[in-house]
N, C-alpha and C. Protein backbone atom coordinates (compact mmCIF):
# COMPACT_ATOMS: atom_id res chain seq x y z
N MET A 1 4.11 -75.66 -68.79
CA MET A 1 2.65 -75.26 -68.47
C MET A 1 2.25 -75.35 -66.93
N GLU A 2 2.85 -76.09 -66.28
CA GLU A 2 2.64 -76.35 -64.80
C GLU A 2 3.08 -75.00 -64.19
N LYS A 3 4.28 -74.56 -64.54
CA LYS A 3 4.88 -73.31 -63.93
C LYS A 3 4.07 -72.13 -64.53
N GLY A 4 3.33 -72.11 -65.61
CA GLY A 4 2.89 -71.01 -66.08
C GLY A 4 3.69 -70.17 -67.12
N GLN A 5 4.91 -70.88 -67.56
CA GLN A 5 5.44 -70.26 -68.66
C GLN A 5 5.04 -70.19 -69.79
N ILE A 6 4.37 -71.38 -70.17
CA ILE A 6 3.51 -71.37 -71.63
C ILE A 6 2.24 -71.67 -71.33
N THR A 7 1.41 -71.13 -72.09
CA THR A 7 0.08 -71.50 -72.12
C THR A 7 -0.61 -72.47 -73.12
N GLN A 8 0.21 -72.89 -74.21
CA GLN A 8 -0.38 -73.70 -75.23
C GLN A 8 0.94 -74.41 -75.87
N TYR A 9 0.59 -75.73 -76.30
CA TYR A 9 1.53 -76.54 -76.80
C TYR A 9 1.09 -77.46 -77.95
N HIS A 10 1.60 -77.71 -79.22
CA HIS A 10 1.17 -78.44 -79.89
C HIS A 10 2.48 -79.31 -80.48
N PHE A 11 2.27 -80.47 -80.62
CA PHE A 11 3.02 -81.43 -81.18
C PHE A 11 2.55 -82.15 -82.39
N GLN A 12 2.94 -82.29 -83.57
CA GLN A 12 2.76 -82.66 -84.70
C GLN A 12 3.47 -83.85 -85.07
N GLY A 13 3.07 -85.26 -84.87
CA GLY A 13 3.65 -86.35 -85.12
C GLY A 13 3.13 -87.09 -86.29
N SER A 14 3.85 -88.06 -86.75
CA SER A 14 3.32 -88.73 -88.22
C SER A 14 1.85 -89.09 -88.18
N GLU A 15 1.46 -89.92 -86.96
CA GLU A 15 0.13 -90.39 -87.04
C GLU A 15 -0.80 -89.55 -86.00
N PHE A 16 -0.33 -89.03 -84.88
CA PHE A 16 -1.05 -88.36 -84.10
C PHE A 16 -0.70 -86.95 -83.81
N GLN A 17 -1.45 -85.80 -83.21
CA GLN A 17 -0.82 -84.77 -82.70
C GLN A 17 -1.33 -84.56 -81.46
N LEU A 18 -0.66 -83.91 -80.55
CA LEU A 18 -1.23 -83.81 -79.35
C LEU A 18 -1.22 -82.01 -79.08
N ARG A 19 -2.34 -81.61 -78.40
CA ARG A 19 -2.47 -80.25 -78.18
C ARG A 19 -2.69 -80.16 -76.65
N LEU A 20 -2.07 -79.14 -76.06
CA LEU A 20 -2.18 -78.83 -74.42
C LEU A 20 -2.38 -77.46 -74.52
N ASP A 21 -3.33 -76.96 -73.48
CA ASP A 21 -3.70 -75.60 -73.18
C ASP A 21 -3.64 -75.75 -71.57
N LYS A 22 -4.15 -74.63 -70.98
CA LYS A 22 -4.18 -74.41 -69.68
C LYS A 22 -5.13 -75.29 -68.81
N VAL A 23 -6.05 -75.98 -69.44
CA VAL A 23 -7.05 -76.70 -68.72
C VAL A 23 -7.15 -78.11 -69.16
N GLY A 24 -6.48 -78.64 -70.48
CA GLY A 24 -6.68 -79.92 -70.76
C GLY A 24 -5.61 -80.38 -72.12
N ALA A 25 -5.86 -81.71 -72.26
CA ALA A 25 -5.05 -82.21 -73.36
C ALA A 25 -6.04 -82.86 -74.33
N GLU A 26 -5.41 -82.83 -75.41
CA GLU A 26 -6.05 -83.51 -76.69
C GLU A 26 -5.41 -84.18 -77.37
N VAL A 27 -5.58 -85.40 -77.85
CA VAL A 27 -4.86 -86.36 -78.68
C VAL A 27 -5.63 -86.60 -79.97
N LEU A 28 -5.27 -86.24 -81.15
CA LEU A 28 -6.02 -86.35 -82.53
C LEU A 28 -5.22 -87.17 -83.51
N ALA A 29 -5.77 -88.30 -84.04
CA ALA A 29 -5.30 -88.85 -85.16
C ALA A 29 -5.26 -88.09 -86.27
N ASN A 30 -4.21 -87.97 -87.05
CA ASN A 30 -4.06 -87.38 -88.31
C ASN A 30 -4.85 -87.92 -89.53
N ALA A 31 -5.56 -88.95 -89.32
CA ALA A 31 -6.34 -89.43 -90.29
C ALA A 31 -7.67 -88.57 -90.27
N LEU A 32 -7.99 -87.89 -89.32
CA LEU A 32 -9.27 -87.18 -89.19
C LEU A 32 -9.21 -85.99 -90.11
N GLY A 33 -8.03 -85.54 -90.33
CA GLY A 33 -7.82 -84.50 -91.47
C GLY A 33 -7.83 -84.66 -92.85
N TYR A 34 -7.86 -86.08 -93.14
CA TYR A 34 -7.97 -86.65 -94.62
C TYR A 34 -9.35 -86.26 -95.12
N GLU A 35 -9.38 -85.93 -96.33
CA GLU A 35 -10.43 -85.88 -97.06
C GLU A 35 -11.00 -86.94 -97.97
N VAL A 36 -11.52 -87.85 -97.27
CA VAL A 36 -11.60 -89.34 -98.02
C VAL A 36 -13.35 -89.25 -98.22
N TYR A 37 -14.11 -88.43 -97.91
CA TYR A 37 -15.51 -88.56 -98.12
C TYR A 37 -15.73 -88.65 -99.57
N GLU A 38 -15.16 -88.06 -100.51
CA GLU A 38 -15.32 -88.10 -101.99
C GLU A 38 -15.34 -89.47 -102.41
N GLU A 39 -14.38 -90.27 -101.71
CA GLU A 39 -14.15 -91.69 -102.12
C GLU A 39 -15.26 -92.67 -101.68
N LEU A 40 -15.91 -92.27 -100.57
CA LEU A 40 -16.81 -93.09 -99.84
C LEU A 40 -18.10 -93.56 -100.87
N PRO A 41 -18.66 -94.53 -100.65
CA PRO A 41 -20.07 -94.81 -101.22
C PRO A 41 -21.11 -93.83 -100.70
N GLU A 42 -22.19 -93.61 -101.53
CA GLU A 42 -23.31 -92.92 -101.10
C GLU A 42 -23.85 -93.38 -99.42
N ASN A 43 -24.16 -92.52 -98.74
CA ASN A 43 -24.81 -92.78 -97.21
C ASN A 43 -23.80 -93.58 -96.49
N THR A 44 -22.55 -93.51 -96.48
CA THR A 44 -21.67 -94.06 -96.07
C THR A 44 -21.09 -93.35 -94.82
N GLU A 45 -21.17 -93.59 -93.49
CA GLU A 45 -20.59 -92.79 -92.53
C GLU A 45 -19.19 -93.32 -91.81
N LEU A 46 -18.24 -92.47 -91.48
CA LEU A 46 -17.09 -93.13 -90.89
C LEU A 46 -17.24 -92.90 -89.38
N TYR A 47 -16.79 -93.79 -88.81
CA TYR A 47 -16.54 -93.99 -87.21
C TYR A 47 -15.36 -93.33 -86.86
N ASP A 48 -15.28 -92.22 -86.30
CA ASP A 48 -14.12 -91.60 -85.87
C ASP A 48 -14.21 -91.64 -84.22
N GLN A 49 -14.94 -92.01 -83.47
CA GLN A 49 -14.93 -91.77 -82.03
C GLN A 49 -13.65 -92.34 -81.36
N GLU A 50 -12.79 -93.04 -82.09
CA GLU A 50 -11.51 -93.57 -81.26
C GLU A 50 -10.44 -92.82 -81.82
N LEU A 51 -10.73 -91.82 -82.66
CA LEU A 51 -9.69 -91.05 -83.23
C LEU A 51 -9.28 -89.82 -82.50
N GLN A 52 -9.85 -89.48 -81.52
CA GLN A 52 -9.82 -88.27 -80.57
C GLN A 52 -10.18 -88.44 -79.28
N ALA A 53 -9.19 -88.04 -78.35
CA ALA A 53 -9.49 -88.20 -76.92
C ALA A 53 -9.07 -86.73 -76.21
N GLU A 54 -9.74 -86.61 -75.16
CA GLU A 54 -9.28 -85.41 -74.56
C GLU A 54 -9.71 -85.61 -72.98
N CYS A 55 -8.76 -84.73 -72.11
CA CYS A 55 -9.23 -84.81 -70.74
C CYS A 55 -8.45 -83.74 -70.04
N GLY A 56 -8.53 -83.65 -68.78
CA GLY A 56 -7.89 -82.47 -68.28
C GLY A 56 -6.30 -82.76 -67.84
N LEU A 57 -5.59 -81.81 -67.70
CA LEU A 57 -4.06 -81.88 -67.55
C LEU A 57 -3.76 -82.72 -66.50
N LEU A 58 -4.39 -82.84 -65.38
CA LEU A 58 -4.18 -83.62 -64.33
C LEU A 58 -4.29 -85.14 -64.45
N ASP A 59 -5.33 -85.30 -65.35
CA ASP A 59 -5.61 -86.87 -65.73
C ASP A 59 -4.61 -87.23 -66.85
N PHE A 60 -4.16 -86.25 -67.61
CA PHE A 60 -3.18 -86.55 -68.76
C PHE A 60 -1.76 -86.87 -68.07
N GLN A 61 -1.48 -86.14 -67.02
CA GLN A 61 -0.33 -86.19 -66.48
C GLN A 61 -0.18 -87.61 -65.58
N GLN A 62 -1.24 -87.98 -64.77
CA GLN A 62 -1.42 -89.18 -64.32
C GLN A 62 -1.32 -90.45 -65.34
N ALA A 63 -1.99 -90.31 -66.48
CA ALA A 63 -1.95 -91.23 -67.54
C ALA A 63 -0.68 -91.58 -68.22
N LEU A 64 0.27 -90.32 -68.21
CA LEU A 64 1.67 -90.55 -68.81
C LEU A 64 2.50 -91.33 -67.75
N LEU A 65 2.29 -90.83 -66.25
CA LEU A 65 3.12 -91.22 -65.49
C LEU A 65 2.95 -93.04 -65.17
N GLU A 66 1.62 -93.39 -65.29
CA GLU A 66 1.26 -94.79 -65.11
C GLU A 66 1.70 -95.69 -66.66
N TRP A 67 1.88 -94.79 -67.67
CA TRP A 67 2.47 -95.51 -68.69
C TRP A 67 3.92 -95.68 -68.75
N GLN A 68 4.30 -94.54 -68.07
CA GLN A 68 5.79 -94.72 -67.92
C GLN A 68 6.23 -95.91 -66.95
N ARG A 69 5.35 -95.96 -65.82
CA ARG A 69 5.84 -97.15 -64.99
C ARG A 69 5.33 -98.34 -65.51
N PHE A 70 4.29 -98.51 -66.42
CA PHE A 70 4.04 -99.84 -67.21
C PHE A 70 5.12 -100.26 -68.16
N ILE A 71 5.85 -99.20 -68.85
CA ILE A 71 6.70 -99.60 -69.76
C ILE A 71 8.05 -99.93 -69.08
N LYS A 72 8.31 -99.15 -68.10
CA LYS A 72 9.42 -99.70 -67.01
C LYS A 72 9.45 -101.02 -66.60
N ASN A 73 8.20 -101.31 -66.06
CA ASN A 73 8.19 -102.73 -65.57
C ASN A 73 8.09 -103.90 -66.64
N LYS A 74 7.56 -103.82 -67.73
CA LYS A 74 7.69 -104.56 -68.71
C LYS A 74 9.05 -104.80 -69.33
N SER A 75 9.78 -104.09 -69.27
CA SER A 75 11.20 -104.01 -69.41
C SER A 75 12.21 -104.94 -68.71
N LEU A 76 11.50 -104.79 -67.49
CA LEU A 76 12.22 -105.70 -66.32
C LEU A 76 12.33 -107.21 -66.62
N PRO A 77 13.31 -108.17 -66.29
CA PRO A 77 13.16 -109.54 -66.71
C PRO A 77 12.45 -110.14 -65.81
């Protein structure tokens, strides 16, 4: 994406999916796609604010680099 060779990318994982485009990144929990509303008691609302996140590509890149650094340092004795 950085080189402009692709404009969109979508990865479907077992629990989350990642969507990238020219301006941003979005991570969605697959639980958002479930039709559970029929099973809920009347007047019940789901809290789904923590099941979706989005940011710009530069912020996403920085977060991935920091996560990589964290994992690398955590594995050191």
